[in-house]
Amino acid sequence: MQSISSHKPNGLIFHVLSLALPMAWSRFIQMMGWFVGMLMVAHLGKEELAASALINATQITCCVIFMSLLFAIGVVAGRLFGEEKPYELGTLFQQSFIFSIIIGAVLSVVFYFIGDLLKLTGQSPQFTKISSEYFHVFAWVGIPLMLLVCVQQFCYGILKQHLVIVNNIFSLIILIPILYLFIFGKFGFPALKIRGLAVGIIIQSVINLISLLISLHYLPDVKKYRFFEWRQLKGVHYVRQLFQVGWPMSIQFGGELLAFFVMTLFTGWLGEAALSASQITFQVMLLFLIPLFAVAESAGILVSQAIGSRQWHVVERTGRVCIRIGLVAVLLLSILFFAIPNYLSAMYINIHDSANAQTVMLARWLFYLTALSLLGDTLRNLYVGALRGFYDTQYPMWLGLITLWLIAVPLSYVMGFSLEWGVIGIRMAAIIAFFIGALLLWMRWRSRIAAL
């Protein structure tokens, strides 16, 4: 096992970054494939571009809810890795496949019918028609996508994160020409339009999965786990454990996404300028949340490894190092938000057009508040990730749902409309909820450390 017991702080910092950075880059590369696909779809026409916004929001919500169930694989694999139980890791690998196939099958059913359900939301018939056509094809991605997430999480748990990033780069190189061929119908291929985007992502997921499995099969230092050796299933205790650790994460992510959606609806009631300013700051913040989420996820895996190897002193230090890395990143981003808010807005709108003056002004203030929002949310997510290493997922779930639904949502309505603070009040309500959640999670983390 790769040692994480270095007494040098710099050694532990390097260890955390060596896991977090490849995870962040992997997520970024995956997002780039979708980004390129959206650029191609934008050339199909205004209807396809508008429908893609509906597709994007629906797809992200569904994928996050189902994929978060599989995040348990990384921390459970990390625990066994720390305990140096190679045969048990092989058993976990095979049972994780069963778990992922079940989840993927359910996700496929959801995707197949989700387009039809969108018709009940009052959206434009043309948009829902395009969305239904897309999701009827995209439904086939359920099982290969969940299996891919499963194998990637397993690689993170056994510190083979660089294997994931290499395979993601390889699959991205393959994806771009596939999208071009199927979306526009070049070189004799059918012009599937937006359905071509779904076909491309399915092919990419299958190729990436096969490539990862082949890599794991032939890597010499992975052979000891005997991933592909047939073994009888004497009970599926790891499937049960993965579900017990994973379902609270799925409920938490789903509930929080729904709460943010409600607050977005509140913002929409304030008019186009408020909604545009909110979307600008959110899109910019989303780019920077990816590496911060990776630090949180790596915290859970490394804490789990330290607990498995009974390196109790490393557990607390790992959490502390992850918090410091997160704070440094937020500090740098805050300087950016305060220094050039107008330039950031200029990526989306013409800031010199007098018609956009109100949007630019609101976006500038929201960028200032985003610095505080990012700080509170980062601390909250880092402690959630670290607690995951203890398999402690139910407390963060309940706390996340309570702070957002009982504090953020009602307070955003009061501050936004009753106090007439508008979109500024809505954003401040979220900040208050984030810091309350971060404080309570810090207390939970301290109690866990004290009990070691």
Protein backbone atom coordinates (compact mmCIF):
# COMPACT_ATOMS: atom_id res chain seq x y z
CA MET A 1 0.00 0.00 0.00
CA GLN A 2 1.20 3.51 -0.75
CA SER A 3 2.12 5.03 2.59
CA ILE A 4 0.21 8.01 3.86
CA SER A 5 1.93 8.14 7.20
CA SER A 6 4.55 10.73 6.32
CA HIS A 7 5.27 13.02 9.26
CA LYS A 8 6.11 15.84 6.88
CA PRO A 9 3.15 18.15 6.22
CA ASN A 10 4.36 18.74 2.68
CA GLY A 11 4.30 14.98 2.08
CA LEU A 12 0.65 14.75 3.05
CA ILE A 13 -0.22 17.84 1.00
CA PHE A 14 1.42 16.22 -2.02
CA HIS A 15 -0.45 12.98 -1.30
CA VAL A 16 -3.82 14.75 -1.21
CA LEU A 17 -3.08 16.74 -4.37
CA SER A 18 -1.81 13.63 -6.18
CA LEU A 19 -5.32 12.19 -5.82
CA ALA A 20 -7.41 15.37 -6.01
CA LEU A 21 -5.82 16.95 -9.10
CA PRO A 22 -6.18 13.91 -11.40
CA MET A 23 -9.78 13.54 -10.21
CA ALA A 24 -10.41 17.22 -10.97
CA TRP A 25 -8.83 16.95 -14.41
CA SER A 26 -10.83 13.82 -15.15
CA ARG A 27 -14.07 15.64 -14.35
CA PHE A 28 -12.97 18.61 -16.43
CA ILE A 29 -12.15 16.38 -19.42
CA GLN A 30 -15.55 14.71 -19.15
CA MET A 31 -17.21 18.13 -19.08
CA MET A 32 -15.23 19.16 -22.17
CA GLY A 33 -16.82 16.34 -24.16
CA TRP A 34 -20.28 17.62 -23.26
CA PHE A 35 -19.19 21.22 -23.93
CA VAL A 36 -17.96 20.36 -27.43
CA GLY A 37 -21.17 18.45 -28.08
CA MET A 38 -23.23 21.47 -27.06
CA LEU A 39 -21.24 23.69 -29.43
CA MET A 40 -22.10 21.33 -32.28
CA VAL A 41 -25.78 21.20 -31.26
CA ALA A 42 -25.85 25.01 -31.25
CA HIS A 43 -25.24 24.91 -35.02
CA LEU A 44 -28.38 22.81 -35.57
CA GLY A 45 -30.73 25.71 -34.84
CA LYS A 46 -32.38 27.73 -32.09
CA GLU A 47 -34.92 25.05 -31.19
CA GLU A 48 -32.24 22.40 -30.60
CA LEU A 49 -30.13 24.85 -28.61
CA ALA A 50 -33.07 25.86 -26.41
CA ALA A 51 -34.09 22.23 -25.91
CA SER A 52 -30.52 21.37 -24.93
CA ALA A 53 -30.86 23.63 -21.88
CA LEU A 54 -33.81 21.53 -20.73
CA ILE A 55 -31.92 18.33 -21.55
CA ASN A 56 -28.83 19.53 -19.69
CA ALA A 57 -30.67 20.39 -16.48
CA THR A 58 -32.63 17.12 -16.50
CA GLN A 59 -29.63 14.96 -17.36
CA ILE A 60 -27.35 16.46 -14.71
CA THR A 61 -29.97 16.07 -11.98
CA CYS A 62 -30.67 12.42 -12.82
CA CYS A 63 -27.00 11.49 -13.26
CA VAL A 64 -25.91 13.14 -10.01
CA ILE A 65 -28.64 11.40 -8.00
CA PHE A 66 -27.77 7.95 -9.38
CA MET A 67 -23.99 8.40 -9.62
CA SER A 68 -23.75 9.55 -6.00
CA LEU A 69 -24.87 6.07 -4.93
CA LEU A 70 -21.63 4.79 -6.46
CA PHE A 71 -19.38 7.29 -4.67
CA ALA A 72 -19.50 4.82 -1.77
CA ILE A 73 -17.30 2.47 -3.84
CA GLY A 74 -14.28 4.79 -3.55
CA VAL A 75 -14.39 5.01 0.27
CA VAL A 76 -15.16 1.29 0.82
CA ALA A 77 -12.34 0.34 -1.58
CA GLY A 78 -10.08 2.83 0.21
CA ARG A 79 -10.84 1.20 3.57
CA LEU A 80 -9.96 -2.27 2.27
CA PHE A 81 -6.87 -0.84 0.55
CA GLY A 82 -5.72 0.59 3.87
CA GLU A 83 -6.38 -2.72 5.58
CA GLU A 84 -4.30 -4.46 2.87
CA LYS A 85 -6.97 -7.01 1.93
CA PRO A 86 -6.37 -7.69 -1.78
CA TYR A 87 -8.75 -10.65 -2.08
CA GLU A 88 -11.56 -8.67 -0.41
CA LEU A 89 -10.92 -5.84 -2.87
CA GLY A 90 -11.49 -8.30 -5.70
CA THR A 91 -14.75 -9.41 -4.12
CA LEU A 92 -15.82 -5.78 -3.68
CA PHE A 93 -14.97 -5.11 -7.33
CA GLN A 94 -17.24 -7.89 -8.57
CA GLN A 95 -20.11 -7.04 -6.23
CA SER A 96 -19.77 -3.37 -7.18
CA PHE A 97 -20.44 -4.46 -10.76
CA ILE A 98 -23.71 -6.07 -9.68
CA PHE A 99 -24.64 -2.93 -7.73
CA SER A 100 -23.84 -0.70 -10.72
CA ILE A 101 -25.78 -2.82 -13.21
CA ILE A 102 -28.89 -2.61 -11.02
CA ILE A 103 -28.56 1.17 -10.67
CA GLY A 104 -27.80 1.57 -14.38
CA ALA A 105 -30.91 -0.42 -15.35
CA VAL A 106 -33.12 1.79 -13.18
CA LEU A 107 -31.45 4.92 -14.61
CA SER A 108 -32.16 3.70 -18.16
CA VAL A 109 -35.86 3.35 -17.37
CA VAL A 110 -35.90 6.85 -15.85
CA PHE A 111 -34.18 8.35 -18.89
CA TYR A 112 -36.52 6.57 -21.32
CA PHE A 113 -39.64 8.05 -19.75
CA ILE A 114 -38.25 11.38 -18.46
CA GLY A 115 -38.78 13.08 -21.82
CA ASP A 116 -42.45 12.18 -21.72
CA LEU A 117 -42.73 13.40 -18.12
CA LEU A 118 -41.34 16.78 -19.19
CA LYS A 119 -44.55 17.29 -21.18
CA LEU A 120 -46.38 17.61 -17.86
CA THR A 121 -44.22 20.58 -16.80
CA GLY A 122 -45.80 23.01 -19.27
CA GLN A 123 -42.73 23.31 -21.49
CA SER A 124 -42.98 24.04 -25.21
CA PRO A 125 -44.23 20.96 -27.17
CA GLN A 126 -41.36 21.34 -29.63
CA PHE A 127 -38.77 21.38 -26.82
CA THR A 128 -40.27 18.33 -25.13
CA LYS A 129 -40.41 16.51 -28.49
CA ILE A 130 -36.70 17.08 -29.06
CA SER A 131 -35.94 16.13 -25.44
CA SER A 132 -37.94 12.90 -25.73
CA GLU A 133 -36.09 11.92 -28.91
CA TYR A 134 -32.78 12.53 -27.17
CA PHE A 135 -33.60 10.62 -23.97
CA HIS A 136 -35.11 7.65 -25.84
CA VAL A 137 -31.62 7.10 -27.29
CA PHE A 138 -29.67 8.25 -24.24
CA ALA A 139 -31.50 5.66 -22.09
CA TRP A 140 -29.07 3.05 -23.44
CA VAL A 141 -26.20 4.75 -21.57
CA GLY A 142 -27.52 3.78 -18.12
CA ILE A 143 -25.62 0.52 -17.51
CA PRO A 144 -22.30 1.35 -19.27
CA LEU A 145 -22.18 4.80 -17.63
CA MET A 146 -22.79 3.43 -14.13
CA LEU A 147 -20.23 0.65 -14.70
CA LEU A 148 -17.73 3.30 -15.84
CA VAL A 149 -18.32 5.35 -12.68
CA CYS A 150 -17.93 2.13 -10.67
CA VAL A 151 -14.52 1.30 -12.18
CA GLN A 152 -13.34 4.92 -11.88
CA GLN A 153 -14.30 5.04 -8.19
CA PHE A 154 -12.47 1.77 -7.66
CA CYS A 155 -9.35 3.18 -9.31
CA TYR A 156 -9.49 6.18 -6.95
CA GLY A 157 -9.83 3.86 -3.95
CA ILE A 158 -6.67 1.91 -4.86
CA LEU A 159 -4.76 5.05 -5.92
CA LYS A 160 -4.82 4.37 -9.66
CA GLN A 161 -6.22 7.82 -10.40
CA HIS A 162 -3.79 8.49 -13.26
CA LEU A 163 -5.23 5.48 -15.07
CA VAL A 164 -8.61 7.25 -15.09
CA ILE A 165 -7.30 10.52 -16.49
CA VAL A 166 -5.35 8.80 -19.29
CA ASN A 167 -8.42 6.83 -20.33
CA ASN A 168 -10.59 9.95 -20.18
CA ILE A 169 -8.22 11.80 -22.51
CA PHE A 170 -8.23 8.82 -24.87
CA SER A 171 -12.04 8.63 -24.89
CA LEU A 172 -12.36 12.41 -25.41
CA ILE A 173 -10.14 12.21 -28.50
CA ILE A 174 -12.44 9.49 -29.84
CA LEU A 175 -15.66 11.29 -28.84
CA ILE A 176 -15.17 14.52 -30.79
CA PRO A 177 -15.03 12.99 -34.30
CA ILE A 178 -17.87 10.59 -33.39
CA LEU A 179 -20.07 13.54 -32.40
CA TYR A 180 -19.22 15.33 -35.63
CA LEU A 181 -20.10 12.27 -37.74
CA PHE A 182 -23.40 11.46 -36.05
CA ILE A 183 -24.72 14.95 -35.30
CA PHE A 184 -24.15 16.34 -38.79
CA GLY A 185 -24.19 13.07 -40.79
CA LYS A 186 -20.78 13.25 -42.44
CA PHE A 187 -19.01 10.64 -44.62
CA GLY A 188 -22.14 8.57 -45.10
CA PHE A 189 -23.18 8.45 -41.44
CA PRO A 190 -26.83 9.32 -40.65
CA ALA A 191 -27.52 12.90 -39.55
CA LEU A 192 -29.05 12.15 -36.14
CA LYS A 193 -28.89 15.78 -34.99
CA ILE A 194 -29.28 16.02 -31.21
CA ARG A 195 -29.70 12.24 -30.99
CA GLY A 196 -26.16 12.04 -32.35
CA LEU A 197 -24.98 13.63 -29.10
CA ALA A 198 -26.61 10.78 -27.17
CA VAL A 199 -25.06 8.17 -29.50
CA GLY A 200 -21.61 9.74 -29.09
CA ILE A 201 -21.77 9.72 -25.28
CA ILE A 202 -22.94 6.09 -25.27
CA ILE A 203 -20.05 5.02 -27.52
CA GLN A 204 -17.58 7.03 -25.44
CA SER A 205 -18.81 5.45 -22.20
CA VAL A 206 -18.50 1.93 -23.63
CA ILE A 207 -15.01 2.55 -25.03
CA ASN A 208 -13.81 4.19 -21.82
CA LEU A 209 -15.18 1.29 -19.74
CA ILE A 210 -13.55 -1.38 -21.92
CA SER A 211 -10.26 0.53 -21.97
CA LEU A 212 -10.20 0.81 -18.16
CA LEU A 213 -11.04 -2.87 -17.69
CA ILE A 214 -8.28 -3.93 -20.12
CA SER A 215 -5.81 -1.68 -18.27
CA LEU A 216 -6.75 -3.20 -14.91
CA HIS A 217 -6.47 -6.70 -16.34
CA TYR A 218 -2.91 -6.25 -17.61
CA LEU A 219 -1.34 -3.97 -14.98
CA PRO A 220 1.19 -6.12 -13.06
CA ASP A 221 0.67 -4.50 -9.64
CA VAL A 222 -3.11 -4.96 -9.88
CA LYS A 223 -3.04 -8.70 -10.55
CA LYS A 224 -2.91 -9.45 -6.79
CA TYR A 225 -6.51 -8.27 -6.46
CA ARG A 226 -7.70 -10.98 -8.91
CA PHE A 227 -10.51 -8.77 -10.15
CA PHE A 228 -11.41 -11.08 -13.03
CA GLU A 229 -11.05 -14.40 -11.23
CA TRP A 230 -14.35 -16.27 -10.96
CA ARG A 231 -15.53 -16.55 -7.36
CA GLN A 232 -18.79 -17.78 -5.97
CA LEU A 233 -21.05 -15.16 -4.45
CA LYS A 234 -21.61 -16.32 -0.89
CA GLY A 235 -23.89 -13.46 -0.04
CA VAL A 236 -23.73 -9.94 -1.38
CA HIS A 237 -22.67 -8.15 1.80
CA TYR A 238 -20.70 -5.52 -0.11
CA VAL A 239 -23.76 -4.65 -2.21
CA ARG A 240 -25.67 -4.04 1.01
CA GLN A 241 -22.78 -2.01 2.46
CA LEU A 242 -22.48 0.13 -0.67
CA PHE A 243 -26.19 0.85 -0.57
CA GLN A 244 -26.08 1.70 3.15
CA VAL A 245 -23.22 4.15 2.61
CA GLY A 246 -24.47 5.47 -0.73
CA TRP A 247 -28.21 6.08 -0.39
CA PRO A 248 -27.85 9.03 2.02
CA MET A 249 -25.49 10.70 -0.48
CA SER A 250 -28.04 10.22 -3.25
CA ILE A 251 -30.85 11.70 -1.14
CA GLN A 252 -28.63 14.58 -0.04
CA PHE A 253 -27.50 15.52 -3.57
CA GLY A 254 -31.01 15.14 -4.97
CA GLY A 255 -32.60 17.18 -2.19
CA GLU A 256 -30.01 19.94 -2.43
CA LEU A 257 -30.32 20.16 -6.22
CA LEU A 258 -34.09 20.49 -5.85
CA ALA A 259 -33.66 23.23 -3.24
CA PHE A 260 -31.35 25.18 -5.54
CA PHE A 261 -33.90 24.71 -8.33
CA VAL A 262 -36.61 26.27 -6.14
CA MET A 263 -34.35 29.24 -5.34
CA THR A 264 -33.69 29.61 -9.07
CA LEU A 265 -37.46 29.79 -9.60
CA PHE A 266 -37.59 32.55 -6.96
CA THR A 267 -34.89 34.42 -8.88
CA GLY A 268 -36.86 34.03 -12.11
CA TRP A 269 -39.81 35.83 -10.51
CA LEU A 270 -37.57 38.89 -10.11
CA GLY A 271 -37.16 39.34 -13.86
CA GLU A 272 -34.69 38.78 -16.66
CA ALA A 273 -31.85 40.91 -15.24
CA ALA A 274 -31.82 39.08 -11.89
CA LEU A 275 -32.00 35.66 -13.53
CA SER A 276 -29.27 36.52 -16.07
CA ALA A 277 -26.95 37.88 -13.37
CA SER A 278 -27.53 34.81 -11.23
CA GLN A 279 -26.82 32.46 -14.13
CA ILE A 280 -23.62 34.30 -15.08
CA THR A 281 -22.16 34.00 -11.59
CA PHE A 282 -23.34 30.39 -11.25
CA GLN A 283 -21.74 29.32 -14.55
CA VAL A 284 -18.43 30.89 -13.58
CA MET A 285 -18.55 29.38 -10.08
CA LEU A 286 -19.34 25.95 -11.53
CA LEU A 287 -16.01 25.91 -13.37
CA PHE A 288 -14.17 26.29 -10.08
CA LEU A 289 -16.35 23.95 -8.04
CA ILE A 290 -15.03 20.93 -9.97
CA PRO A 291 -11.53 20.87 -8.40
CA LEU A 292 -12.98 21.75 -4.98
CA PHE A 293 -15.39 18.81 -5.16
CA ALA A 294 -12.44 16.61 -6.13
CA VAL A 295 -10.58 17.67 -2.98
CA ALA A 296 -13.66 16.78 -0.91
CA GLU A 297 -14.00 13.40 -2.60
CA SER A 298 -10.31 12.63 -2.19
CA ALA A 299 -10.60 13.56 1.51
CA GLY A 300 -13.17 10.80 2.00
CA ILE A 301 -11.02 8.20 0.22
CA LEU A 302 -7.79 9.14 2.04
CA VAL A 303 -9.51 9.29 5.45
CA SER A 304 -10.99 5.87 4.76
CA GLN A 305 -7.56 4.51 3.81
CA ALA A 306 -6.01 5.93 6.99
CA ILE A 307 -8.75 4.38 9.15
CA GLY A 308 -8.31 1.04 7.38
CA SER A 309 -4.56 1.06 8.06
CA ARG A 310 -5.18 2.28 11.67
CA GLN A 311 -3.07 5.40 11.15
CA TRP A 312 -5.26 7.43 13.50
CA HIS A 313 -2.95 10.47 13.56
CA VAL A 314 -3.15 10.70 9.77
CA VAL A 315 -6.96 10.86 9.81
CA GLU A 316 -7.12 14.25 11.53
CA ARG A 317 -4.15 15.62 9.57
CA THR A 318 -5.72 14.57 6.25
CA GLY A 319 -8.87 16.51 7.08
CA ARG A 320 -6.81 19.53 8.14
CA VAL A 321 -4.72 19.47 4.93
CA CYS A 322 -7.84 19.21 2.74
CA ILE A 323 -9.40 22.18 4.54
CA ARG A 324 -6.26 24.26 4.03
CA ILE A 325 -6.07 23.39 0.33
CA GLY A 326 -9.72 24.35 -0.05
CA LEU A 327 -9.26 27.65 1.80
CA VAL A 328 -6.26 28.62 -0.32
CA ALA A 329 -8.21 27.88 -3.50
CA VAL A 330 -11.21 29.91 -2.30
CA LEU A 331 -8.94 32.81 -1.34
CA LEU A 332 -7.43 32.93 -4.83
CA LEU A 333 -10.85 32.73 -6.45
CA SER A 334 -12.21 35.45 -4.16
CA ILE A 335 -9.45 37.80 -5.31
CA LEU A 336 -10.53 37.05 -8.89
CA PHE A 337 -14.21 37.70 -8.15
CA PHE A 338 -13.47 41.01 -6.42
CA ALA A 339 -10.87 42.19 -8.93
CA ILE A 340 -12.50 41.53 -12.32
CA PRO A 341 -16.25 40.89 -11.92
CA ASN A 342 -17.11 42.88 -15.04
CA TYR A 343 -14.60 41.00 -17.17
CA LEU A 344 -16.12 37.72 -16.00
CA SER A 345 -19.58 38.96 -16.95
CA ALA A 346 -18.22 40.04 -20.37
CA MET A 347 -17.78 36.37 -21.28
CA TYR A 348 -21.57 36.09 -21.46
CA ILE A 349 -23.00 39.55 -22.25
CA ASN A 350 -21.99 42.88 -23.75
CA ILE A 351 -21.18 44.88 -20.61
CA HIS A 352 -21.00 48.13 -22.63
CA ASP A 353 -24.59 47.86 -23.83
CA SER A 354 -26.78 50.17 -21.74
CA ALA A 355 -29.60 47.61 -21.96
CA ASN A 356 -27.44 45.26 -19.86
CA ALA A 357 -26.51 47.84 -17.22
CA GLN A 358 -28.76 46.39 -14.50
CA THR A 359 -27.57 42.85 -15.19
CA VAL A 360 -23.92 43.95 -15.00
CA MET A 361 -24.53 45.76 -11.72
CA LEU A 362 -26.33 42.79 -10.14
CA ALA A 363 -23.70 40.36 -11.42
CA ARG A 364 -20.94 42.47 -9.86
CA TRP A 365 -22.58 42.31 -6.42
CA LEU A 366 -23.33 38.62 -6.84
CA PHE A 367 -19.67 37.96 -7.66
CA TYR A 368 -18.73 39.66 -4.38
CA LEU A 369 -21.21 37.44 -2.54
CA THR A 370 -20.03 34.40 -4.49
CA ALA A 371 -16.71 34.63 -2.65
CA LEU A 372 -18.55 34.13 0.66
CA SER A 373 -20.88 31.54 -0.85
CA LEU A 374 -17.95 29.55 -2.21
CA LEU A 375 -16.20 29.66 1.17
CA GLY A 376 -19.21 28.34 3.09
CA ASP A 377 -20.10 25.72 0.49
CA THR A 378 -16.48 24.54 0.18
CA LEU A 379 -16.11 24.08 3.94
CA ARG A 380 -19.43 22.25 4.01
CA ASN A 381 -18.47 19.89 1.17
CA LEU A 382 -14.99 19.24 2.54
CA TYR A 383 -16.34 18.13 5.91
CA VAL A 384 -19.01 16.03 4.17
CA GLY A 385 -16.26 14.37 2.13
CA ALA A 386 -14.04 13.75 5.16
CA LEU A 387 -16.92 12.27 7.17
CA ARG A 388 -17.60 9.94 4.26
CA GLY A 389 -14.32 8.26 5.16
CA PHE A 390 -15.97 7.17 8.44
CA TYR A 391 -18.96 5.87 6.42
CA ASP A 392 -20.82 8.72 8.13
CA THR A 393 -23.27 9.77 5.41
CA GLN A 394 -26.66 9.94 7.12
CA TYR A 395 -25.81 12.89 9.40
CA PRO A 396 -24.59 15.07 6.47
CA MET A 397 -27.70 14.03 4.52
CA TRP A 398 -30.15 15.18 7.20
CA LEU A 399 -28.13 18.29 7.92
CA GLY A 400 -27.96 19.22 4.22
CA LEU A 401 -31.69 18.78 3.75
CA ILE A 402 -32.54 20.71 6.93
CA THR A 403 -30.20 23.66 6.33
CA LEU A 404 -31.32 24.12 2.72
CA TRP A 405 -35.04 23.35 2.98
CA LEU A 406 -35.75 24.78 6.45
CA ILE A 407 -33.28 27.68 6.35
CA ALA A 408 -32.12 28.57 2.82
CA VAL A 409 -35.40 28.19 0.90
CA PRO A 410 -37.79 30.01 3.32
CA LEU A 411 -35.14 32.61 4.22
CA SER A 412 -34.47 33.31 0.53
CA TYR A 413 -38.16 34.05 0.04
CA VAL A 414 -38.26 36.33 3.09
CA MET A 415 -35.06 38.20 2.20
CA GLY A 416 -35.78 38.29 -1.50
CA PHE A 417 -39.42 39.36 -1.43
CA SER A 418 -40.65 40.30 2.07
CA LEU A 419 -37.56 42.43 2.75
CA GLU A 420 -37.36 43.31 -0.96
CA TRP A 421 -33.64 42.63 -1.22
CA GLY A 422 -34.17 40.79 -4.49
CA VAL A 423 -31.57 38.39 -5.87
CA ILE A 424 -29.00 39.73 -3.38
CA GLY A 425 -31.23 38.55 -0.52
CA ILE A 426 -31.71 35.14 -2.12
CA ARG A 427 -27.96 34.66 -2.42
CA MET A 428 -27.38 35.87 1.17
CA ALA A 429 -29.92 33.32 2.46
CA ALA A 430 -27.93 30.52 0.82
CA ILE A 431 -24.70 31.85 2.35
CA ILE A 432 -26.22 31.84 5.85
CA ALA A 433 -27.39 28.24 5.39
CA PHE A 434 -23.95 27.18 4.07
CA PHE A 435 -22.09 28.57 7.10
CA ILE A 436 -24.55 27.08 9.59
CA GLY A 437 -24.12 23.72 7.88
CA ALA A 438 -20.32 24.07 7.82
CA LEU A 439 -20.22 24.86 11.55
CA LEU A 440 -22.35 21.85 12.49
CA LEU A 441 -20.33 19.56 10.20
CA TRP A 442 -17.09 20.81 11.78
CA MET A 443 -18.51 19.89 15.20
CA ARG A 444 -19.43 16.44 13.87
CA TRP A 445 -15.91 16.01 12.46
CA ARG A 446 -14.33 16.98 15.80
CA SER A 447 -16.49 14.45 17.64
CA ARG A 448 -15.45 11.74 15.19
CA ILE A 449 -11.76 12.57 15.65
CA ALA A 450 -12.11 12.64 19.44
CA ALA A 451 -13.63 9.14 19.36
CA LEU A 452 -10.64 7.58 17.55
